[in-house]
Amino acid sequence: MVYTIKIKDKSIKARSIINILKALQKDYDFIEISEEKEIQEDDDIMKELEIRYNYFIKNHKGKEWSALLNDF
């Protein structure tokens, strides 16, 4: 069984829990700790995605998924 624990706070208590888990990781090989990089939403990226999405909705030329699957 696999569990995922996310700690999103940067407080002293949160760091303490992370340090405890890191210490346990040294003794138990089944503990894996990885740090996720936060994805920051950039206004320019969000605007570009909105433009592309709206373009796709208005100009949805192409084949149906089932047709593409049959081509393969």
Protein backbone atom coordinates (compact mmCIF):
# COMPACT_ATOMS: atom_id res chain seq x y z
CA MET A 1 0.00 0.00 0.00
CA VAL A 2 1.31 3.46 -0.90
CA TYR A 3 0.49 6.61 1.03
CA THR A 4 1.14 10.18 -0.07
CA ILE A 5 1.53 12.89 2.51
CA LYS A 6 1.71 16.52 1.40
CA ILE A 7 2.96 19.22 3.72
CA LYS A 8 2.27 22.62 2.17
CA ASP A 9 3.12 24.82 5.12
CA LYS A 10 6.56 26.32 5.72
CA SER A 11 6.12 26.92 9.42
CA ILE A 12 8.44 25.64 12.15
CA LYS A 13 6.03 22.79 12.95
CA ALA A 14 5.89 21.75 9.30
CA ARG A 15 9.70 21.78 9.01
CA SER A 16 9.89 19.74 12.21
CA ILE A 17 7.63 17.05 10.77
CA ILE A 18 9.69 16.99 7.57
CA ASN A 19 12.90 16.62 9.57
CA ILE A 20 11.39 13.74 11.57
CA LEU A 21 10.40 11.98 8.36
CA LYS A 22 13.88 12.53 6.91
CA ALA A 23 15.42 11.02 10.03
CA LEU A 24 13.11 8.00 9.76
CA GLN A 25 13.98 7.67 6.09
CA LYS A 26 17.58 6.88 7.04
CA ASP A 27 16.47 3.84 9.05
CA TYR A 28 13.57 2.62 6.91
CA ASP A 29 14.11 2.05 3.20
CA PHE A 30 10.37 2.04 2.48
CA ILE A 31 10.11 5.76 3.24
CA GLU A 32 10.63 8.02 0.26
CA ILE A 33 10.61 11.81 0.51
CA SER A 34 10.49 14.05 -2.54
CA GLU A 35 9.98 17.75 -2.79
CA GLU A 36 7.51 19.01 -5.37
CA LYS A 37 8.27 22.21 -7.15
CA GLU A 38 5.35 24.59 -6.99
CA ILE A 39 3.88 25.57 -10.32
CA GLN A 40 3.19 29.24 -10.33
CA GLU A 41 0.46 30.43 -12.61
CA ASP A 42 1.79 33.16 -14.78
CA ASP A 43 -0.78 35.62 -16.09
CA ASP A 44 0.77 35.53 -19.57
CA ILE A 45 0.61 31.73 -19.69
CA MET A 46 -3.00 31.72 -18.53
CA LYS A 47 -3.94 34.33 -21.16
CA GLU A 48 -2.22 32.30 -23.88
CA LEU A 49 -4.00 29.12 -22.81
CA GLU A 50 -7.33 30.94 -22.85
CA ILE A 51 -6.63 32.26 -26.38
CA ARG A 52 -5.67 28.80 -27.63
CA TYR A 53 -8.67 27.17 -25.99
CA ASN A 54 -11.09 29.68 -27.49
CA TYR A 55 -9.46 29.24 -30.90
CA PHE A 56 -9.85 25.47 -30.63
CA ILE A 57 -13.52 25.77 -29.64
CA LYS A 58 -14.24 28.01 -32.63
CA ASN A 59 -12.06 26.11 -35.13
CA HIS A 60 -12.25 22.47 -34.14
CA LYS A 61 -11.23 20.92 -37.42
CA GLY A 62 -9.85 17.45 -37.30
CA LYS A 63 -10.76 13.83 -36.96
CA GLU A 64 -12.75 12.13 -34.27
CA TRP A 65 -10.75 10.15 -31.74
CA SER A 66 -12.17 6.85 -32.98
CA ALA A 67 -11.02 7.66 -36.54
CA LEU A 68 -7.51 8.46 -35.32
CA LEU A 69 -7.41 5.19 -33.43
CA ASN A 70 -8.43 3.26 -36.54
CA ASP A 71 -5.63 4.94 -38.52
CA PHE A 72 -3.08 3.49 -36.14
